[in-house]
Amino acid sequence: MGKEIPCHHCARKIQTRTCPTDFIDKVQKDINGNMRAILIDWLVEVYKFISYC
């Protein structure tokens, strides 16, 4: 298939390396890390579904 999308844990590692830790907290005050994790997991599932169609 195409490129593999990193799992949430890999994406989290990439995010912490590329963004200052307080950047997301300052910009997105109403979304916490748990909510972001759910969103990333959902996006990965959608990508997989679209790739298999």
PDB file of N, CA and C in Angstrom:
ATOM      1  N   MET A   1       0.843  -1.179   0.000  1.00  0.00           N
ATOM      2  CA  MET A   1       0.000   0.000   0.000  1.00  0.00           C
ATOM      3  C   MET A   1       0.891   1.246   0.000  1.00  0.00           C
ATOM      4  N   GLY A   2       0.297   2.379   0.306  1.00  0.00           N
ATOM      5  CA  GLY A   2       1.027   3.642   0.315  1.00  0.00           C
ATOM      6  C   GLY A   2       1.849   3.802   1.567  1.00  0.00           C
ATOM      7  N   LYS A   3       2.119   5.022   1.881  1.00  0.00           N
ATOM      8  CA  LYS A   3       2.880   5.317   3.091  1.00  0.00           C
ATOM      9  C   LYS A   3       2.107   4.873   4.325  1.00  0.00           C
ATOM     10  N   GLU A   4       2.825   4.426   5.317  1.00  0.00           N
ATOM     11  CA  GLU A   4       2.202   4.060   6.579  1.00  0.00           C
ATOM     12  C   GLU A   4       2.063   5.322   7.429  1.00  0.00           C
ATOM     13  N   ILE A   5       0.936   5.479   8.053  1.00  0.00           N
ATOM     14  CA  ILE A   5       0.723   6.600   8.968  1.00  0.00           C
ATOM     15  C   ILE A   5       1.195   6.164  10.341  1.00  0.00           C
ATOM     16  N   PRO A   6       1.973   7.014  11.010  1.00  0.00           N
ATOM     17  CA  PRO A   6       2.444   6.626  12.330  1.00  0.00           C
ATOM     18  C   PRO A   6       1.289   6.514  13.316  1.00  0.00           C
ATOM     19  N   CYS A   7       1.421   5.606  14.248  1.00  0.00           N
ATOM     20  CA  CYS A   7       0.401   5.457  15.283  1.00  0.00           C
ATOM     21  C   CYS A   7       0.398   6.702  16.172  1.00  0.00           C
ATOM     22  N   HIS A   8      -0.592   6.783  17.028  1.00  0.00           N
ATOM     23  CA  HIS A   8      -0.737   7.949  17.908  1.00  0.00           C
ATOM     24  C   HIS A   8       0.532   8.181  18.722  1.00  0.00           C
ATOM     25  N   HIS A   9       1.124   7.109  19.235  1.00  0.00           N
ATOM     26  CA  HIS A   9       2.309   7.260  20.074  1.00  0.00           C
ATOM     27  C   HIS A   9       3.479   7.823  19.265  1.00  0.00           C
ATOM     28  N   CYS A  10       3.617   7.370  18.019  1.00  0.00           N
ATOM     29  CA  CYS A  10       4.682   7.889  17.159  1.00  0.00           C
ATOM     30  C   CYS A  10       4.403   9.348  16.816  1.00  0.00           C
ATOM     31  N   ALA A  11       3.137   9.654  16.503  1.00  0.00           N
ATOM     32  CA  ALA A  11       2.768  11.030  16.183  1.00  0.00           C
ATOM     33  C   ALA A  11       3.018  11.943  17.376  1.00  0.00           C
ATOM     34  N   ARG A  12       2.738  11.439  18.564  1.00  0.00           N
ATOM     35  CA  ARG A  12       2.959  12.226  19.786  1.00  0.00           C
ATOM     36  C   ARG A  12       4.448  12.531  19.959  1.00  0.00           C
ATOM     37  N   LYS A  13       5.307  11.545  19.680  1.00  0.00           N
ATOM     38  CA  LYS A  13       6.747  11.762  19.784  1.00  0.00           C
ATOM     39  C   LYS A  13       7.200  12.813  18.779  1.00  0.00           C
ATOM     40  N   ILE A  14       6.679  12.728  17.551  1.00  0.00           N
ATOM     41  CA  ILE A  14       7.035  13.694  16.511  1.00  0.00           C
ATOM     42  C   ILE A  14       6.564  15.079  16.928  1.00  0.00           C
ATOM     43  N   GLN A  15       5.352  15.161  17.449  1.00  0.00           N
ATOM     44  CA  GLN A  15       4.784  16.434  17.864  1.00  0.00           C
ATOM     45  C   GLN A  15       5.628  17.081  18.955  1.00  0.00           C
ATOM     46  N   THR A  16       6.069  16.294  19.920  1.00  0.00           N
ATOM     47  CA  THR A  16       6.840  16.872  21.015  1.00  0.00           C
ATOM     48  C   THR A  16       8.231  17.301  20.559  1.00  0.00           C
ATOM     49  N   ARG A  17       8.737  16.681  19.515  1.00  0.00           N
ATOM     50  CA  ARG A  17      10.044  17.084  19.006  1.00  0.00           C
ATOM     51  C   ARG A  17       9.961  18.361  18.176  1.00  0.00           C
ATOM     52  N   THR A  18       8.846  18.573  17.471  1.00  0.00           N
ATOM     53  CA  THR A  18       8.764  19.688  16.543  1.00  0.00           C
ATOM     54  C   THR A  18       8.073  20.925  17.116  1.00  0.00           C
ATOM     55  N   CYS A  19       7.242  20.761  18.134  1.00  0.00           N
ATOM     56  CA  CYS A  19       6.500  21.885  18.711  1.00  0.00           C
ATOM     57  C   CYS A  19       6.947  22.122  20.145  1.00  0.00           C
ATOM     58  N   PRO A  20       7.049  23.372  20.524  1.00  0.00           N
ATOM     59  CA  PRO A  20       7.282  23.627  21.946  1.00  0.00           C
ATOM     60  C   PRO A  20       6.132  23.041  22.761  1.00  0.00           C
ATOM     61  N   THR A  21       6.411  22.575  23.943  1.00  0.00           N
ATOM     62  CA  THR A  21       5.384  21.879  24.724  1.00  0.00           C
ATOM     63  C   THR A  21       4.212  22.776  25.082  1.00  0.00           C
ATOM     64  N   ASP A  22       4.423  24.057  25.257  1.00  0.00           N
ATOM     65  CA  ASP A  22       3.322  24.923  25.646  1.00  0.00           C
ATOM     66  C   ASP A  22       2.603  25.556  24.457  1.00  0.00           C
ATOM     67  N   PHE A  23       3.095  25.368  23.242  1.00  0.00           N
ATOM     68  CA  PHE A  23       2.481  25.982  22.062  1.00  0.00           C
ATOM     69  C   PHE A  23       1.033  25.547  21.883  1.00  0.00           C
ATOM     70  N   ILE A  24       0.794  24.251  21.902  1.00  0.00           N
ATOM     71  CA  ILE A  24      -0.562  23.738  21.674  1.00  0.00           C
ATOM     72  C   ILE A  24      -1.477  24.157  22.820  1.00  0.00           C
ATOM     73  N   ASP A  25      -0.982  24.155  24.029  1.00  0.00           N
ATOM     74  CA  ASP A  25      -1.793  24.567  25.168  1.00  0.00           C
ATOM     75  C   ASP A  25      -2.207  26.030  25.066  1.00  0.00           C
ATOM     76  N   LYS A  26      -1.346  26.860  24.502  1.00  0.00           N
ATOM     77  CA  LYS A  26      -1.679  28.279  24.344  1.00  0.00           C
ATOM     78  C   LYS A  26      -2.676  28.488  23.213  1.00  0.00           C
ATOM     79  N   VAL A  27      -2.526  27.738  22.123  1.00  0.00           N
ATOM     80  CA  VAL A  27      -3.379  27.927  20.952  1.00  0.00           C
ATOM     81  C   VAL A  27      -4.725  27.237  21.114  1.00  0.00           C
ATOM     82  N   GLN A  28      -4.731  26.018  21.600  1.00  0.00           N
ATOM     83  CA  GLN A  28      -5.959  25.229  21.730  1.00  0.00           C
ATOM     84  C   GLN A  28      -6.266  24.984  23.198  1.00  0.00           C
ATOM     85  N   LYS A  29      -6.820  25.965  23.839  1.00  0.00           N
ATOM     86  CA  LYS A  29      -7.085  25.856  25.271  1.00  0.00           C
ATOM     87  C   LYS A  29      -8.239  24.910  25.582  1.00  0.00           C
ATOM     88  N   ASP A  30      -9.181  24.757  24.640  1.00  0.00           N
ATOM     89  CA  ASP A  30     -10.364  23.933  24.909  1.00  0.00           C
ATOM     90  C   ASP A  30     -10.196  22.471  24.515  1.00  0.00           C
ATOM     91  N   ILE A  31      -9.055  22.107  23.921  1.00  0.00           N
ATOM     92  CA  ILE A  31      -8.817  20.716  23.511  1.00  0.00           C
ATOM     93  C   ILE A  31      -7.616  20.189  24.287  1.00  0.00           C
ATOM     94  N   ASN A  32      -7.823  19.103  25.025  1.00  0.00           N
ATOM     95  CA  ASN A  32      -6.718  18.540  25.807  1.00  0.00           C
ATOM     96  C   ASN A  32      -6.020  17.418  25.030  1.00  0.00           C
ATOM     97  N   GLY A  33      -4.975  16.889  25.593  1.00  0.00           N
ATOM     98  CA  GLY A  33      -4.188  15.846  24.929  1.00  0.00           C
ATOM     99  C   GLY A  33      -4.985  14.592  24.640  1.00  0.00           C
ATOM    100  N   ASN A  34      -5.893  14.246  25.535  1.00  0.00           N
ATOM    101  CA  ASN A  34      -6.731  13.064  25.343  1.00  0.00           C
ATOM    102  C   ASN A  34      -7.629  13.232  24.115  1.00  0.00           C
ATOM    103  N   MET A  35      -8.202  14.414  23.975  1.00  0.00           N
ATOM    104  CA  MET A  35      -9.067  14.689  22.829  1.00  0.00           C
ATOM    105  C   MET A  35      -8.262  14.650  21.520  1.00  0.00           C
ATOM    106  N   ARG A  36      -7.051  15.180  21.559  1.00  0.00           N
ATOM    107  CA  ARG A  36      -6.186  15.142  20.368  1.00  0.00           C
ATOM    108  C   ARG A  36      -5.851  13.705  19.992  1.00  0.00           C
ATOM    109  N   ALA A  37      -5.601  12.863  20.990  1.00  0.00           N
ATOM    110  CA  ALA A  37      -5.281  11.456  20.736  1.00  0.00           C
ATOM    111  C   ALA A  37      -6.450  10.757  20.058  1.00  0.00           C
ATOM    112  N   ILE A  38      -7.668  11.022  20.517  1.00  0.00           N
ATOM    113  CA  ILE A  38      -8.851  10.429  19.904  1.00  0.00           C
ATOM    114  C   ILE A  38      -8.980  10.899  18.456  1.00  0.00           C
ATOM    115  N   LEU A  39      -8.746  12.170  18.218  1.00  0.00           N
ATOM    116  CA  LEU A  39      -8.823  12.710  16.860  1.00  0.00           C
ATOM    117  C   LEU A  39      -7.794  12.063  15.939  1.00  0.00           C
ATOM    118  N   ILE A  40      -6.571  11.924  16.411  1.00  0.00           N
ATOM    119  CA  ILE A  40      -5.509  11.295  15.606  1.00  0.00           C
ATOM    120  C   ILE A  40      -5.884   9.853  15.283  1.00  0.00           C
ATOM    121  N   ASP A  41      -6.348   9.110  16.284  1.00  0.00           N
ATOM    122  CA  ASP A  41      -6.747   7.722  16.049  1.00  0.00           C
ATOM    123  C   ASP A  41      -7.870   7.638  15.026  1.00  0.00           C
ATOM    124  N   TRP A  42      -8.838   8.547  15.114  1.00  0.00           N
ATOM    125  CA  TRP A  42      -9.954   8.565  14.166  1.00  0.00           C
ATOM    126  C   TRP A  42      -9.458   8.891  12.755  1.00  0.00           C
ATOM    127  N   LEU A  43      -8.573   9.862  12.643  1.00  0.00           N
ATOM    128  CA  LEU A  43      -8.027  10.215  11.327  1.00  0.00           C
ATOM    129  C   LEU A  43      -7.272   9.044  10.699  1.00  0.00           C
ATOM    130  N   VAL A  44      -6.534   8.310  11.509  1.00  0.00           N
ATOM    131  CA  VAL A  44      -5.817   7.131  11.005  1.00  0.00           C
ATOM    132  C   VAL A  44      -6.807   6.094  10.501  1.00  0.00           C
ATOM    133  N   GLU A  45      -7.881   5.857  11.232  1.00  0.00           N
ATOM    134  CA  GLU A  45      -8.901   4.896  10.803  1.00  0.00           C
ATOM    135  C   GLU A  45      -9.555   5.328   9.496  1.00  0.00           C
ATOM    136  N   VAL A  46      -9.866   6.614   9.363  1.00  0.00           N
ATOM    137  CA  VAL A  46     -10.464   7.124   8.119  1.00  0.00           C
ATOM    138  C   VAL A  46      -9.499   6.934   6.962  1.00  0.00           C
ATOM    139  N   TYR A  47      -8.222   7.242   7.181  1.00  0.00           N
ATOM    140  CA  TYR A  47      -7.219   7.075   6.133  1.00  0.00           C
ATOM    141  C   TYR A  47      -7.124   5.612   5.692  1.00  0.00           C
ATOM    142  N   LYS A  48      -7.115   4.709   6.666  1.00  0.00           N
ATOM    143  CA  LYS A  48      -7.051   3.279   6.331  1.00  0.00           C
ATOM    144  C   LYS A  48      -8.273   2.859   5.529  1.00  0.00           C
ATOM    145  N   PHE A  49      -9.456   3.324   5.938  1.00  0.00           N
ATOM    146  CA  PHE A  49     -10.692   2.972   5.243  1.00  0.00           C
ATOM    147  C   PHE A  49     -10.653   3.475   3.801  1.00  0.00           C
ATOM    148  N   ILE A  50     -10.225   4.703   3.613  1.00  0.00           N
ATOM    149  CA  ILE A  50     -10.164   5.285   2.273  1.00  0.00           C
ATOM    150  C   ILE A  50      -9.118   4.567   1.429  1.00  0.00           C
ATOM    151  N   SER A  51      -8.019   4.175   2.024  1.00  0.00           N
ATOM    152  CA  SER A  51      -6.956   3.491   1.281  1.00  0.00           C
ATOM    153  C   SER A  51      -7.384   2.130   0.779  1.00  0.00           C
ATOM    154  N   TYR A  52      -8.262   1.450   1.528  1.00  0.00           N
ATOM    155  CA  TYR A  52      -8.708   0.118   1.139  1.00  0.00           C
ATOM    156  C   TYR A  52      -9.821   0.145   0.116  1.00  0.00           C
ATOM    157  N   CYS A  53     -10.472   1.285  -0.084  1.00  0.00           N
ATOM    158  CA  CYS A  53     -11.591   1.366  -1.037  1.00  0.00           C
ATOM    159  C   CYS A  53     -11.104   1.412  -2.468  1.00  0.00           C
TER     160      CYS A  53
END
